[in-house]
Amino acid sequence: MRVKEIMKEAVAINSDMSLKEAAKIMTTKGIGSLIVLKGGEIAGIITEKDITKNAPNLTKRVSSVMFKSIVTVDHEEELDHAAFLMSKNKIKHLPVVKEEKLVGVITATDLIDNVEDLDDDFFFD
């Protein structure tokens, strides 16, 4: 199975947004991460964990706490490759790109929901 078959819509924000505004978007949409774009390019990702860590100061800008070393996966890749990237990099949210442009996101929960489509050998490599 390919990543594009299970990816969800990514919600993108700009880096100038406050953590409080980001938290409100996550709550409203029922999601655990937001992709930060700058000039149409992926600049970072912010998760509910980042917001929780900074709860005493929700006026901070997203840019000050977002994770900037972004790992992405191409929408045509197999789920096994996405699972490998998430495991290797110890991440739970993986932006999906097509021709280097954001087209979606997959999460650890998405992989668990589709575990029957992962190669059994993946877990033993």
N, C-alpha and C. Protein backbone atom coordinates (compact mmCIF):
# COMPACT_ATOMS: atom_id res chain seq x y z
N MET A 1 0.84 -1.18 0.00
CA MET A 1 0.00 0.00 0.00
C MET A 1 0.89 1.25 0.00
N ARG A 2 0.47 2.25 -0.71
CA ARG A 2 1.23 3.49 -0.82
C ARG A 2 0.74 4.54 0.19
N VAL A 3 1.67 5.43 0.53
CA VAL A 3 1.39 6.50 1.50
C VAL A 3 0.16 7.30 1.08
N LYS A 4 0.04 7.61 -0.20
CA LYS A 4 -1.07 8.46 -0.66
C LYS A 4 -2.44 7.83 -0.39
N GLU A 5 -2.47 6.52 -0.18
CA GLU A 5 -3.73 5.85 0.06
C GLU A 5 -4.25 6.04 1.49
N ILE A 6 -3.38 6.41 2.41
CA ILE A 6 -3.83 6.58 3.79
C ILE A 6 -3.59 7.98 4.35
N MET A 7 -2.87 8.82 3.60
CA MET A 7 -2.54 10.14 4.13
C MET A 7 -3.81 10.94 4.37
N LYS A 8 -3.69 11.85 5.33
CA LYS A 8 -4.78 12.76 5.65
C LYS A 8 -4.40 14.15 5.16
N GLU A 9 -5.38 15.03 5.13
CA GLU A 9 -5.10 16.42 4.76
C GLU A 9 -4.19 17.05 5.81
N ALA A 10 -3.16 17.71 5.37
CA ALA A 10 -2.27 18.43 6.28
C ALA A 10 -2.84 19.82 6.50
N VAL A 11 -2.74 20.28 7.73
CA VAL A 11 -3.15 21.65 8.04
C VAL A 11 -1.87 22.46 8.20
N ALA A 12 -1.76 23.50 7.39
CA ALA A 12 -0.55 24.32 7.38
C ALA A 12 -0.83 25.69 8.00
N ILE A 13 0.18 26.19 8.69
CA ILE A 13 0.10 27.52 9.31
C ILE A 13 1.38 28.28 8.99
N ASN A 14 1.41 29.57 9.36
CA ASN A 14 2.65 30.31 9.18
C ASN A 14 3.37 30.41 10.53
N SER A 15 4.63 30.68 10.47
CA SER A 15 5.49 30.63 11.66
C SER A 15 5.26 31.79 12.63
N ASP A 16 4.55 32.82 12.21
CA ASP A 16 4.30 33.98 13.07
C ASP A 16 3.12 33.77 14.01
N MET A 17 2.40 32.70 13.83
CA MET A 17 1.23 32.43 14.66
C MET A 17 1.65 32.15 16.10
N SER A 18 0.81 32.51 17.06
CA SER A 18 1.10 32.21 18.47
C SER A 18 0.77 30.75 18.76
N LEU A 19 1.37 30.24 19.82
CA LEU A 19 1.08 28.86 20.24
C LEU A 19 -0.39 28.71 20.60
N LYS A 20 -0.97 29.74 21.19
CA LYS A 20 -2.39 29.70 21.55
C LYS A 20 -3.25 29.54 20.30
N GLU A 21 -2.93 30.29 19.25
CA GLU A 21 -3.68 30.17 18.00
C GLU A 21 -3.50 28.78 17.39
N ALA A 22 -2.28 28.26 17.44
CA ALA A 22 -2.01 26.93 16.90
C ALA A 22 -2.78 25.87 17.68
N ALA A 23 -2.80 26.02 19.01
CA ALA A 23 -3.54 25.06 19.86
C ALA A 23 -5.03 25.08 19.53
N LYS A 24 -5.55 26.26 19.27
CA LYS A 24 -6.98 26.39 18.95
C LYS A 24 -7.29 25.66 17.64
N ILE A 25 -6.41 25.79 16.65
CA ILE A 25 -6.61 25.10 15.37
C ILE A 25 -6.57 23.58 15.57
N MET A 26 -5.58 23.11 16.32
CA MET A 26 -5.48 21.67 16.58
C MET A 26 -6.73 21.15 17.26
N THR A 27 -7.23 21.89 18.24
CA THR A 27 -8.43 21.47 18.98
C THR A 27 -9.64 21.45 18.06
N THR A 28 -9.82 22.51 17.30
CA THR A 28 -10.98 22.62 16.40
C THR A 28 -10.98 21.51 15.36
N LYS A 29 -9.81 21.19 14.82
CA LYS A 29 -9.72 20.18 13.75
C LYS A 29 -9.50 18.77 14.28
N GLY A 30 -9.25 18.64 15.59
CA GLY A 30 -9.03 17.31 16.17
C GLY A 30 -7.77 16.64 15.66
N ILE A 31 -6.69 17.43 15.56
CA ILE A 31 -5.42 16.90 15.06
C ILE A 31 -4.30 17.16 16.06
N GLY A 32 -3.18 16.46 15.89
CA GLY A 32 -2.08 16.57 16.83
C GLY A 32 -0.85 17.28 16.31
N SER A 33 -0.91 17.79 15.07
CA SER A 33 0.24 18.51 14.53
C SER A 33 -0.20 19.48 13.45
N LEU A 34 0.66 20.47 13.25
CA LEU A 34 0.47 21.45 12.19
C LEU A 34 1.79 21.59 11.44
N ILE A 35 1.71 21.71 10.14
CA ILE A 35 2.90 21.90 9.33
C ILE A 35 3.09 23.41 9.15
N VAL A 36 4.30 23.86 9.40
CA VAL A 36 4.61 25.29 9.29
C VAL A 36 5.23 25.55 7.92
N LEU A 37 4.62 26.47 7.19
CA LEU A 37 5.11 26.83 5.87
C LEU A 37 5.68 28.24 5.89
N LYS A 38 6.71 28.43 5.11
CA LYS A 38 7.29 29.76 4.92
C LYS A 38 7.61 29.88 3.44
N GLY A 39 6.98 30.82 2.78
CA GLY A 39 7.18 30.98 1.34
C GLY A 39 6.75 29.76 0.55
N GLY A 40 5.75 29.06 1.03
CA GLY A 40 5.25 27.87 0.34
C GLY A 40 6.06 26.61 0.59
N GLU A 41 7.15 26.72 1.33
CA GLU A 41 8.02 25.58 1.64
C GLU A 41 7.81 25.13 3.09
N ILE A 42 8.01 23.85 3.34
CA ILE A 42 7.90 23.34 4.70
C ILE A 42 9.08 23.86 5.51
N ALA A 43 8.75 24.59 6.59
CA ALA A 43 9.79 25.17 7.45
C ALA A 43 9.88 24.46 8.79
N GLY A 44 8.82 23.74 9.15
CA GLY A 44 8.83 23.08 10.44
C GLY A 44 7.53 22.36 10.71
N ILE A 45 7.46 21.78 11.89
CA ILE A 45 6.25 21.11 12.35
C ILE A 45 6.10 21.40 13.84
N ILE A 46 4.88 21.57 14.26
CA ILE A 46 4.60 21.77 15.68
C ILE A 46 3.55 20.76 16.08
N THR A 47 3.76 20.14 17.23
CA THR A 47 2.85 19.11 17.70
C THR A 47 2.22 19.53 19.02
N GLU A 48 1.20 18.78 19.43
CA GLU A 48 0.55 19.07 20.70
C GLU A 48 1.54 18.96 21.85
N LYS A 49 2.54 18.11 21.72
CA LYS A 49 3.58 17.98 22.74
C LYS A 49 4.37 19.27 22.88
N ASP A 50 4.69 19.91 21.75
CA ASP A 50 5.41 21.19 21.78
C ASP A 50 4.59 22.26 22.50
N ILE A 51 3.31 22.27 22.25
CA ILE A 51 2.43 23.25 22.88
C ILE A 51 2.31 22.97 24.37
N THR A 52 2.17 21.72 24.73
CA THR A 52 2.06 21.35 26.14
C THR A 52 3.32 21.76 26.91
N LYS A 53 4.48 21.51 26.33
CA LYS A 53 5.75 21.88 26.97
C LYS A 53 5.85 23.38 27.22
N ASN A 54 5.18 24.16 26.39
CA ASN A 54 5.26 25.61 26.48
C ASN A 54 3.97 26.25 27.00
N ALA A 55 3.15 25.46 27.67
CA ALA A 55 1.86 25.94 28.16
C ALA A 55 1.94 27.21 29.00
N PRO A 56 2.98 27.41 29.81
CA PRO A 56 3.03 28.64 30.60
C PRO A 56 3.17 29.92 29.75
N ASN A 57 3.55 29.79 28.49
CA ASN A 57 3.76 30.97 27.66
C ASN A 57 3.20 30.75 26.26
N LEU A 58 1.90 30.73 26.14
CA LEU A 58 1.27 30.47 24.85
C LEU A 58 1.29 31.66 23.92
N THR A 59 1.89 32.76 24.35
CA THR A 59 2.04 33.91 23.45
C THR A 59 3.27 33.77 22.57
N LYS A 60 4.12 32.78 22.88
CA LYS A 60 5.30 32.53 22.03
C LYS A 60 4.86 32.28 20.60
N ARG A 61 5.74 32.60 19.67
CA ARG A 61 5.50 32.33 18.25
C ARG A 61 5.83 30.88 17.95
N VAL A 62 5.09 30.33 17.04
CA VAL A 62 5.33 28.95 16.59
C VAL A 62 6.78 28.76 16.16
N SER A 63 7.33 29.75 15.49
CA SER A 63 8.71 29.66 14.99
C SER A 63 9.73 29.43 16.09
N SER A 64 9.42 29.83 17.31
CA SER A 64 10.39 29.69 18.40
C SER A 64 10.41 28.29 19.01
N VAL A 65 9.40 27.47 18.72
CA VAL A 65 9.37 26.13 19.31
C VAL A 65 9.21 25.01 18.29
N MET A 66 8.94 25.35 17.04
CA MET A 66 8.69 24.29 16.03
C MET A 66 9.96 23.47 15.80
N PHE A 67 9.75 22.24 15.39
CA PHE A 67 10.84 21.35 15.04
C PHE A 67 11.21 21.66 13.59
N LYS A 68 12.48 21.98 13.35
CA LYS A 68 12.89 22.47 12.03
C LYS A 68 13.57 21.43 11.15
N SER A 69 14.04 20.35 11.73
CA SER A 69 14.71 19.30 10.93
C SER A 69 13.64 18.32 10.44
N ILE A 70 12.97 18.72 9.40
CA ILE A 70 11.80 17.98 8.94
C ILE A 70 12.18 16.79 8.07
N VAL A 71 11.55 15.67 8.38
CA VAL A 71 11.65 14.46 7.58
C VAL A 71 10.33 14.38 6.81
N THR A 72 10.40 14.13 5.53
CA THR A 72 9.18 13.99 4.72
C THR A 72 9.21 12.66 3.99
N VAL A 73 8.07 12.29 3.46
CA VAL A 73 7.97 11.08 2.65
C VAL A 73 7.19 11.42 1.38
N ASP A 74 7.61 10.86 0.26
CA ASP A 74 6.91 11.08 -1.00
C ASP A 74 5.60 10.30 -0.99
N HIS A 75 4.58 10.88 -1.58
CA HIS A 75 3.24 10.27 -1.59
C HIS A 75 3.20 8.92 -2.29
N GLU A 76 4.16 8.63 -3.17
CA GLU A 76 4.19 7.36 -3.91
C GLU A 76 4.91 6.24 -3.15
N GLU A 77 5.58 6.57 -2.04
CA GLU A 77 6.33 5.56 -1.29
C GLU A 77 5.39 4.53 -0.67
N GLU A 78 5.95 3.37 -0.41
CA GLU A 78 5.21 2.31 0.27
C GLU A 78 5.10 2.65 1.76
N LEU A 79 4.05 2.14 2.41
CA LEU A 79 3.86 2.37 3.84
C LEU A 79 5.05 1.90 4.66
N ASP A 80 5.68 0.83 4.23
CA ASP A 80 6.84 0.32 4.96
C ASP A 80 7.94 1.37 5.07
N HIS A 81 8.12 2.13 4.00
CA HIS A 81 9.16 3.16 4.02
C HIS A 81 8.78 4.28 5.00
N ALA A 82 7.52 4.65 5.02
CA ALA A 82 7.06 5.68 5.96
C ALA A 82 7.25 5.18 7.40
N ALA A 83 6.91 3.92 7.64
CA ALA A 83 7.09 3.35 8.98
C ALA A 83 8.56 3.34 9.37
N PHE A 84 9.42 3.01 8.43
CA PHE A 84 10.86 3.03 8.68
C PHE A 84 11.33 4.43 9.05
N LEU A 85 10.91 5.44 8.28
CA LEU A 85 11.32 6.82 8.56
C LEU A 85 10.85 7.28 9.94
N MET A 86 9.62 6.92 10.28
CA MET A 86 9.08 7.33 11.58
C MET A 86 9.82 6.64 12.71
N SER A 87 10.12 5.38 12.54
CA SER A 87 10.84 4.63 13.56
C SER A 87 12.28 5.13 13.71
N LYS A 88 12.95 5.29 12.60
CA LYS A 88 14.35 5.72 12.60
C LYS A 88 14.51 7.10 13.23
N ASN A 89 13.57 8.00 12.95
CA ASN A 89 13.68 9.38 13.42
C ASN A 89 12.88 9.65 14.70
N LYS A 90 12.25 8.59 15.22
CA LYS A 90 11.47 8.70 16.46
C LYS A 90 10.46 9.84 16.39
N ILE A 91 9.65 9.81 15.32
CA ILE A 91 8.61 10.82 15.12
C ILE A 91 7.26 10.14 14.94
N LYS A 92 6.21 10.89 15.22
CA LYS A 92 4.86 10.36 15.12
C LYS A 92 4.03 11.02 14.03
N HIS A 93 4.57 12.08 13.44
CA HIS A 93 3.88 12.82 12.38
C HIS A 93 4.85 13.00 11.22
N LEU A 94 4.40 12.62 10.02
CA LEU A 94 5.28 12.64 8.86
C LEU A 94 4.59 13.38 7.70
N PRO A 95 5.10 14.57 7.36
CA PRO A 95 4.54 15.28 6.21
C PRO A 95 4.75 14.49 4.92
N VAL A 96 3.74 14.53 4.06
CA VAL A 96 3.78 13.83 2.78
C VAL A 96 3.93 14.88 1.68
N VAL A 97 4.86 14.62 0.77
CA VAL A 97 5.12 15.57 -0.31
C VAL A 97 4.95 14.92 -1.68
N LYS A 98 4.65 15.78 -2.63
CA LYS A 98 4.62 15.40 -4.05
C LYS A 98 5.39 16.49 -4.76
N GLU A 99 6.48 16.12 -5.43
CA GLU A 99 7.35 17.08 -6.09
C GLU A 99 7.77 18.18 -5.11
N GLU A 100 8.09 17.75 -3.89
CA GLU A 100 8.59 18.59 -2.81
C GLU A 100 7.58 19.59 -2.27
N LYS A 101 6.30 19.44 -2.61
CA LYS A 101 5.24 20.29 -2.09
C LYS A 101 4.36 19.47 -1.15
N LEU A 102 3.94 20.09 -0.05
CA LEU A 102 3.11 19.43 0.94
C LEU A 102 1.77 19.02 0.35
N VAL A 103 1.42 17.73 0.51
CA VAL A 103 0.13 17.24 0.02
C VAL A 103 -0.66 16.50 1.10
N GLY A 104 -0.03 16.22 2.23
CA GLY A 104 -0.74 15.51 3.28
C GLY A 104 0.16 15.22 4.45
N VAL A 105 -0.34 14.38 5.35
CA VAL A 105 0.42 13.97 6.53
C VAL A 105 -0.05 12.57 6.92
N ILE A 106 0.86 11.77 7.44
CA ILE A 106 0.46 10.50 8.05
C ILE A 106 1.03 10.49 9.46
N THR A 107 0.35 9.74 10.31
CA THR A 107 0.73 9.67 11.71
C THR A 107 0.97 8.23 12.12
N ALA A 108 1.54 8.07 13.29
CA ALA A 108 1.75 6.73 13.83
C ALA A 108 0.40 6.00 13.95
N THR A 109 -0.63 6.72 14.30
CA THR A 109 -1.97 6.12 14.41
C THR A 109 -2.43 5.60 13.05
N ASP A 110 -2.15 6.34 11.99
CA ASP A 110 -2.51 5.88 10.64
C ASP A 110 -1.81 4.57 10.31
N LEU A 111 -0.53 4.46 10.70
CA LEU A 111 0.21 3.21 10.46
C LEU A 111 -0.40 2.06 11.25
N ILE A 112 -0.73 2.33 12.51
CA ILE A 112 -1.34 1.29 13.35
C ILE A 112 -2.67 0.85 12.75
N ASP A 113 -3.46 1.80 12.26
CA ASP A 113 -4.75 1.48 11.64
C ASP A 113 -4.58 0.63 10.39
N ASN A 114 -3.40 0.65 9.79
CA ASN A 114 -3.14 -0.08 8.55
C ASN A 114 -2.01 -1.10 8.72
N VAL A 115 -1.82 -1.58 9.93
CA VAL A 115 -0.71 -2.49 10.23
C VAL A 115 -0.75 -3.75 9.37
N GLU A 116 -1.93 -4.18 8.95
CA GLU A 116 -2.02 -5.38 8.12
C GLU A 116 -1.38 -5.18 6.75
N ASP A 117 -1.17 -3.92 6.36
CA ASP A 117 -0.56 -3.63 5.07
C ASP A 117 0.95 -3.41 5.15
N LEU A 118 1.50 -3.49 6.36
CA LEU A 118 2.95 -3.38 6.51
C LEU A 118 3.58 -4.75 6.30
N ASP A 119 4.76 -4.77 5.73
CA ASP A 119 5.49 -6.00 5.51
C ASP A 119 5.94 -6.55 6.87
N ASP A 120 5.63 -7.80 7.16
CA ASP A 120 6.01 -8.41 8.43
C ASP A 120 7.51 -8.34 8.66
N ASP A 121 8.30 -8.39 7.58
CA ASP A 121 9.77 -8.31 7.73
C ASP A 121 10.22 -6.97 8.28
N PHE A 122 9.39 -5.93 8.10
CA PHE A 122 9.75 -4.59 8.59
C PHE A 122 10.06 -4.63 10.09
N PHE A 123 9.30 -5.39 10.80
CA PHE A 123 9.44 -5.40 12.26
C PHE A 123 10.65 -6.17 12.74
N PHE A 124 11.31 -6.88 11.84
CA PHE A 124 12.46 -7.69 12.25
C PHE A 124 13.77 -7.25 11.62
N ASP A 125 13.72 -6.20 10.81
CA ASP A 125 14.96 -5.71 10.16
C ASP A 125 15.78 -4.90 11.14
